[in-house]
Amino acid sequence: RLRRAQMAQIKVTLVRSTIGCTQTQKDTVAALGLKKINSFRVHEDTPATMGQIKKVSHLVKVENI
């Protein structure tokens, strides 16, 4: 079996409320797995994930792990 190279991981934390945001921004936050303020998820650093983060960059904090 081939071992897949380990990709960089990032920690995404919701730091602002989605109240007053557009529905697509709310859907993006939900797709990232974030529900409440200060909830966080660890994701792979892929172009798709970074595109989602860019869309809601004013609501989240991103840290490299």
PDB file of N, CA and C in Angstrom:
ATOM      1  N   ARG A   1       0.829  -1.194   0.000  1.00  0.00           N
ATOM      2  CA  ARG A   1       0.000   0.000   0.000  1.00  0.00           C
ATOM      3  C   ARG A   1       0.870   1.252   0.000  1.00  0.00           C
ATOM      4  N   LEU A   2       0.349   2.266  -0.631  1.00  0.00           N
ATOM      5  CA  LEU A   2       1.071   3.529  -0.658  1.00  0.00           C
ATOM      6  C   LEU A   2       0.607   4.415   0.483  1.00  0.00           C
ATOM      7  N   ARG A   3       1.542   5.093   1.103  1.00  0.00           N
ATOM      8  CA  ARG A   3       1.177   6.030   2.165  1.00  0.00           C
ATOM      9  C   ARG A   3       1.013   7.405   1.557  1.00  0.00           C
ATOM     10  N   ARG A   4      -0.075   8.047   1.893  1.00  0.00           N
ATOM     11  CA  ARG A   4      -0.329   9.379   1.376  1.00  0.00           C
ATOM     12  C   ARG A   4       0.453  10.393   2.207  1.00  0.00           C
ATOM     13  N   ALA A   5       1.037  11.367   1.555  1.00  0.00           N
ATOM     14  CA  ALA A   5       1.802  12.396   2.268  1.00  0.00           C
ATOM     15  C   ALA A   5       0.872  13.190   3.186  1.00  0.00           C
ATOM     16  N   GLN A   6       1.352  13.489   4.358  1.00  0.00           N
ATOM     17  CA  GLN A   6       0.554  14.234   5.337  1.00  0.00           C
ATOM     18  C   GLN A   6       0.459  15.691   4.890  1.00  0.00           C
ATOM     19  N   MET A   7      -0.767  16.182   4.734  1.00  0.00           N
ATOM     20  CA  MET A   7      -0.964  17.579   4.346  1.00  0.00           C
ATOM     21  C   MET A   7      -0.944  18.451   5.589  1.00  0.00           C
ATOM     22  N   ALA A   8      -0.661  19.714   5.377  1.00  0.00           N
ATOM     23  CA  ALA A   8      -0.682  20.664   6.489  1.00  0.00           C
ATOM     24  C   ALA A   8      -2.102  20.776   7.020  1.00  0.00           C
ATOM     25  N   GLN A   9      -2.219  20.977   8.312  1.00  0.00           N
ATOM     26  CA  GLN A   9      -3.538  21.100   8.907  1.00  0.00           C
ATOM     27  C   GLN A   9      -3.706  22.494   9.482  1.00  0.00           C
ATOM     28  N   ILE A  10      -4.948  22.961   9.467  1.00  0.00           N
ATOM     29  CA  ILE A  10      -5.264  24.272  10.015  1.00  0.00           C
ATOM     30  C   ILE A  10      -6.423  24.145  10.987  1.00  0.00           C
ATOM     31  N   LYS A  11      -6.415  24.989  12.000  1.00  0.00           N
ATOM     32  CA  LYS A  11      -7.486  25.025  12.993  1.00  0.00           C
ATOM     33  C   LYS A  11      -8.325  26.257  12.693  1.00  0.00           C
ATOM     34  N   VAL A  12      -9.630  26.055  12.461  1.00  0.00           N
ATOM     35  CA  VAL A  12     -10.545  27.138  12.129  1.00  0.00           C
ATOM     36  C   VAL A  12     -11.489  27.327  13.312  1.00  0.00           C
ATOM     37  N   THR A  13     -11.544  28.557  13.861  1.00  0.00           N
ATOM     38  CA  THR A  13     -12.364  28.864  15.023  1.00  0.00           C
ATOM     39  C   THR A  13     -13.360  29.955  14.662  1.00  0.00           C
ATOM     40  N   LEU A  14     -14.625  29.757  15.019  1.00  0.00           N
ATOM     41  CA  LEU A  14     -15.653  30.778  14.792  1.00  0.00           C
ATOM     42  C   LEU A  14     -15.551  31.809  15.910  1.00  0.00           C
ATOM     43  N   VAL A  15     -15.268  33.060  15.563  1.00  0.00           N
ATOM     44  CA  VAL A  15     -15.083  34.102  16.584  1.00  0.00           C
ATOM     45  C   VAL A  15     -16.165  35.173  16.542  1.00  0.00           C
ATOM     46  N   ARG A  16     -16.984  35.183  15.494  1.00  0.00           N
ATOM     47  CA  ARG A  16     -18.080  36.142  15.422  1.00  0.00           C
ATOM     48  C   ARG A  16     -19.359  35.415  15.039  1.00  0.00           C
ATOM     49  N   SER A  17     -20.493  35.996  15.419  1.00  0.00           N
ATOM     50  CA  SER A  17     -21.792  35.406  15.151  1.00  0.00           C
ATOM     51  C   SER A  17     -22.164  35.540  13.677  1.00  0.00           C
ATOM     52  N   THR A  18     -22.998  34.630  13.201  1.00  0.00           N
ATOM     53  CA  THR A  18     -23.476  34.692  11.823  1.00  0.00           C
ATOM     54  C   THR A  18     -24.774  35.482  11.703  1.00  0.00           C
ATOM     55  N   ILE A  19     -25.228  36.076  12.794  1.00  0.00           N
ATOM     56  CA  ILE A  19     -26.435  36.901  12.742  1.00  0.00           C
ATOM     57  C   ILE A  19     -26.169  38.093  11.829  1.00  0.00           C
ATOM     58  N   GLY A  20     -27.051  38.312  10.881  1.00  0.00           N
ATOM     59  CA  GLY A  20     -26.888  39.419   9.945  1.00  0.00           C
ATOM     60  C   GLY A  20     -26.088  39.059   8.709  1.00  0.00           C
ATOM     61  N   CYS A  21     -25.572  37.839   8.633  1.00  0.00           N
ATOM     62  CA  CYS A  21     -24.809  37.401   7.466  1.00  0.00           C
ATOM     63  C   CYS A  21     -25.760  36.868   6.395  1.00  0.00           C
ATOM     64  N   THR A  22     -25.252  36.780   5.177  1.00  0.00           N
ATOM     65  CA  THR A  22     -26.058  36.220   4.100  1.00  0.00           C
ATOM     66  C   THR A  22     -26.206  34.707   4.314  1.00  0.00           C
ATOM     67  N   GLN A  23     -27.185  34.130   3.643  1.00  0.00           N
ATOM     68  CA  GLN A  23     -27.440  32.700   3.808  1.00  0.00           C
ATOM     69  C   GLN A  23     -26.259  31.873   3.302  1.00  0.00           C
ATOM     70  N   THR A  24     -25.600  32.328   2.248  1.00  0.00           N
ATOM     71  CA  THR A  24     -24.458  31.554   1.738  1.00  0.00           C
ATOM     72  C   THR A  24     -23.312  31.561   2.748  1.00  0.00           C
ATOM     73  N   GLN A  25     -23.118  32.666   3.468  1.00  0.00           N
ATOM     74  CA  GLN A  25     -22.083  32.698   4.494  1.00  0.00           C
ATOM     75  C   GLN A  25     -22.442  31.771   5.649  1.00  0.00           C
ATOM     76  N   LYS A  26     -23.714  31.749   6.035  1.00  0.00           N
ATOM     77  CA  LYS A  26     -24.156  30.832   7.097  1.00  0.00           C
ATOM     78  C   LYS A  26     -23.949  29.389   6.667  1.00  0.00           C
ATOM     79  N   ASP A  27     -24.248  29.086   5.415  1.00  0.00           N
ATOM     80  CA  ASP A  27     -24.062  27.726   4.894  1.00  0.00           C
ATOM     81  C   ASP A  27     -22.588  27.343   4.863  1.00  0.00           C
ATOM     82  N   THR A  28     -21.725  28.296   4.541  1.00  0.00           N
ATOM     83  CA  THR A  28     -20.287  28.030   4.501  1.00  0.00           C
ATOM     84  C   THR A  28     -19.750  27.739   5.891  1.00  0.00           C
ATOM     85  N   VAL A  29     -20.205  28.505   6.888  1.00  0.00           N
ATOM     86  CA  VAL A  29     -19.782  28.259   8.271  1.00  0.00           C
ATOM     87  C   VAL A  29     -20.236  26.869   8.708  1.00  0.00           C
ATOM     88  N   ALA A  30     -21.461  26.493   8.352  1.00  0.00           N
ATOM     89  CA  ALA A  30     -21.962  25.163   8.694  1.00  0.00           C
ATOM     90  C   ALA A  30     -21.168  24.071   7.975  1.00  0.00           C
ATOM     91  N   ALA A  31     -20.800  24.318   6.721  1.00  0.00           N
ATOM     92  CA  ALA A  31     -20.019  23.329   5.960  1.00  0.00           C
ATOM     93  C   ALA A  31     -18.629  23.142   6.554  1.00  0.00           C
ATOM     94  N   LEU A  32     -18.101  24.178   7.187  1.00  0.00           N
ATOM     95  CA  LEU A  32     -16.807  24.057   7.870  1.00  0.00           C
ATOM     96  C   LEU A  32     -16.938  23.320   9.197  1.00  0.00           C
ATOM     97  N   GLY A  33     -18.174  23.026   9.611  1.00  0.00           N
ATOM     98  CA  GLY A  33     -18.398  22.270  10.844  1.00  0.00           C
ATOM     99  C   GLY A  33     -18.457  23.135  12.085  1.00  0.00           C
ATOM    100  N   LEU A  34     -18.677  24.432  11.916  1.00  0.00           N
ATOM    101  CA  LEU A  34     -18.710  25.349  13.052  1.00  0.00           C
ATOM    102  C   LEU A  34     -20.158  25.651  13.416  1.00  0.00           C
ATOM    103  N   LYS A  35     -20.474  25.601  14.715  1.00  0.00           N
ATOM    104  CA  LYS A  35     -21.846  25.817  15.145  1.00  0.00           C
ATOM    105  C   LYS A  35     -21.981  27.009  16.071  1.00  0.00           C
ATOM    106  N   LYS A  36     -21.210  27.027  17.144  1.00  0.00           N
ATOM    107  CA  LYS A  36     -21.307  28.093  18.132  1.00  0.00           C
ATOM    108  C   LYS A  36     -20.029  28.922  18.127  1.00  0.00           C
ATOM    109  N   ILE A  37     -20.106  30.115  18.683  1.00  0.00           N
ATOM    110  CA  ILE A  37     -18.916  30.944  18.819  1.00  0.00           C
ATOM    111  C   ILE A  37     -17.891  30.198  19.667  1.00  0.00           C
ATOM    112  N   ASN A  38     -16.649  30.283  19.284  1.00  0.00           N
ATOM    113  CA  ASN A  38     -15.502  29.604  19.902  1.00  0.00           C
ATOM    114  C   ASN A  38     -15.443  28.111  19.600  1.00  0.00           C
ATOM    115  N   SER A  39     -16.347  27.593  18.772  1.00  0.00           N
ATOM    116  CA  SER A  39     -16.202  26.208  18.341  1.00  0.00           C
ATOM    117  C   SER A  39     -15.112  26.166  17.271  1.00  0.00           C
ATOM    118  N   PHE A  40     -14.396  25.051  17.188  1.00  0.00           N
ATOM    119  CA  PHE A  40     -13.317  24.953  16.209  1.00  0.00           C
ATOM    120  C   PHE A  40     -13.303  23.581  15.582  1.00  0.00           C
ATOM    121  N   ARG A  41     -12.693  23.516  14.413  1.00  0.00           N
ATOM    122  CA  ARG A  41     -12.483  22.254  13.703  1.00  0.00           C
ATOM    123  C   ARG A  41     -11.106  22.288  13.078  1.00  0.00           C
ATOM    124  N   VAL A  42     -10.516  21.120  12.932  1.00  0.00           N
ATOM    125  CA  VAL A  42      -9.228  20.996  12.263  1.00  0.00           C
ATOM    126  C   VAL A  42      -9.491  20.457  10.862  1.00  0.00           C
ATOM    127  N   HIS A  43      -8.977  21.169   9.864  1.00  0.00           N
ATOM    128  CA  HIS A  43      -9.171  20.799   8.461  1.00  0.00           C
ATOM    129  C   HIS A  43      -7.820  20.669   7.776  1.00  0.00           C
ATOM    130  N   GLU A  44      -7.818  19.936   6.660  1.00  0.00           N
ATOM    131  CA  GLU A  44      -6.638  19.877   5.800  1.00  0.00           C
ATOM    132  C   GLU A  44      -6.529  21.205   5.049  1.00  0.00           C
ATOM    133  N   ASP A  45      -5.315  21.644   4.811  1.00  0.00           N
ATOM    134  CA  ASP A  45      -5.075  22.904   4.104  1.00  0.00           C
ATOM    135  C   ASP A  45      -5.148  22.658   2.601  1.00  0.00           C
ATOM    136  N   THR A  46      -6.379  22.638   2.065  1.00  0.00           N
ATOM    137  CA  THR A  46      -6.598  22.413   0.637  1.00  0.00           C
ATOM    138  C   THR A  46      -7.146  23.690   0.005  1.00  0.00           C
ATOM    139  N   PRO A  47      -7.055  23.823  -1.310  1.00  0.00           N
ATOM    140  CA  PRO A  47      -7.607  25.010  -1.966  1.00  0.00           C
ATOM    141  C   PRO A  47      -9.105  25.181  -1.731  1.00  0.00           C
ATOM    142  N   ALA A  48      -9.852  24.093  -1.656  1.00  0.00           N
ATOM    143  CA  ALA A  48     -11.293  24.188  -1.421  1.00  0.00           C
ATOM    144  C   ALA A  48     -11.583  24.743  -0.031  1.00  0.00           C
ATOM    145  N   THR A  49     -10.873  24.254   0.968  1.00  0.00           N
ATOM    146  CA  THR A  49     -11.061  24.741   2.333  1.00  0.00           C
ATOM    147  C   THR A  49     -10.649  26.207   2.439  1.00  0.00           C
ATOM    148  N   MET A  50      -9.551  26.565   1.810  1.00  0.00           N
ATOM    149  CA  MET A  50      -9.095  27.957   1.869  1.00  0.00           C
ATOM    150  C   MET A  50     -10.080  28.894   1.177  1.00  0.00           C
ATOM    151  N   GLY A  51     -10.756  28.429   0.136  1.00  0.00           N
ATOM    152  CA  GLY A  51     -11.785  29.233  -0.520  1.00  0.00           C
ATOM    153  C   GLY A  51     -12.963  29.481   0.403  1.00  0.00           C
ATOM    154  N   GLN A  52     -13.363  28.446   1.155  1.00  0.00           N
ATOM    155  CA  GLN A  52     -14.447  28.613   2.124  1.00  0.00           C
ATOM    156  C   GLN A  52     -14.044  29.597   3.212  1.00  0.00           C
ATOM    157  N   ILE A  53     -12.819  29.483   3.693  1.00  0.00           N
ATOM    158  CA  ILE A  53     -12.342  30.367   4.757  1.00  0.00           C
ATOM    159  C   ILE A  53     -12.286  31.809   4.266  1.00  0.00           C
ATOM    160  N   LYS A  54     -11.861  31.999   3.026  1.00  0.00           N
ATOM    161  CA  LYS A  54     -11.788  33.355   2.474  1.00  0.00           C
ATOM    162  C   LYS A  54     -13.169  34.001   2.428  1.00  0.00           C
ATOM    163  N   LYS A  55     -14.192  33.205   2.156  1.00  0.00           N
ATOM    164  CA  LYS A  55     -15.554  33.723   2.054  1.00  0.00           C
ATOM    165  C   LYS A  55     -16.070  34.220   3.402  1.00  0.00           C
ATOM    166  N   VAL A  56     -15.630  33.605   4.493  1.00  0.00           N
ATOM    167  CA  VAL A  56     -16.103  33.991   5.834  1.00  0.00           C
ATOM    168  C   VAL A  56     -14.935  34.428   6.713  1.00  0.00           C
ATOM    169  N   SER A  57     -13.926  35.034   6.102  1.00  0.00           N
ATOM    170  CA  SER A  57     -12.709  35.395   6.839  1.00  0.00           C
ATOM    171  C   SER A  57     -12.971  36.396   7.957  1.00  0.00           C
ATOM    172  N   HIS A  58     -14.032  37.185   7.832  1.00  0.00           N
ATOM    173  CA  HIS A  58     -14.363  38.163   8.871  1.00  0.00           C
ATOM    174  C   HIS A  58     -15.033  37.523  10.081  1.00  0.00           C
ATOM    175  N   LEU A  59     -15.375  36.238   9.996  1.00  0.00           N
ATOM    176  CA  LEU A  59     -16.067  35.534  11.080  1.00  0.00           C
ATOM    177  C   LEU A  59     -15.180  34.518  11.794  1.00  0.00           C
ATOM    178  N   VAL A  60     -14.079  34.131  11.169  1.00  0.00           N
ATOM    179  CA  VAL A  60     -13.274  33.035  11.707  1.00  0.00           C
ATOM    180  C   VAL A  60     -11.834  33.458  11.956  1.00  0.00           C
ATOM    181  N   LYS A  61     -11.162  32.656  12.784  1.00  0.00           N
ATOM    182  CA  LYS A  61      -9.726  32.799  13.038  1.00  0.00           C
ATOM    183  C   LYS A  61      -9.073  31.512  12.580  1.00  0.00           C
ATOM    184  N   VAL A  62      -7.946  31.616  11.882  1.00  0.00           N
ATOM    185  CA  VAL A  62      -7.273  30.454  11.313  1.00  0.00           C
ATOM    186  C   VAL A  62      -5.867  30.359  11.911  1.00  0.00           C
ATOM    187  N   GLU A  63      -5.499  29.149  12.348  1.00  0.00           N
ATOM    188  CA  GLU A  63      -4.167  28.906  12.902  1.00  0.00           C
ATOM    189  C   GLU A  63      -3.579  27.676  12.240  1.00  0.00           C
ATOM    190  N   ASN A  64      -2.281  27.718  11.957  1.00  0.00           N
ATOM    191  CA  ASN A  64      -1.577  26.535  11.442  1.00  0.00           C
ATOM    192  C   ASN A  64      -1.269  25.613  12.626  1.00  0.00           C
ATOM    193  N   ILE A  65      -1.343  24.313  12.347  1.00  0.00           N
ATOM    194  CA  ILE A  65      -1.031  23.333  13.398  1.00  0.00           C
ATOM    195  C   ILE A  65       0.260  22.634  13.015  1.00  0.00           C
TER     196      ILE A  65
END
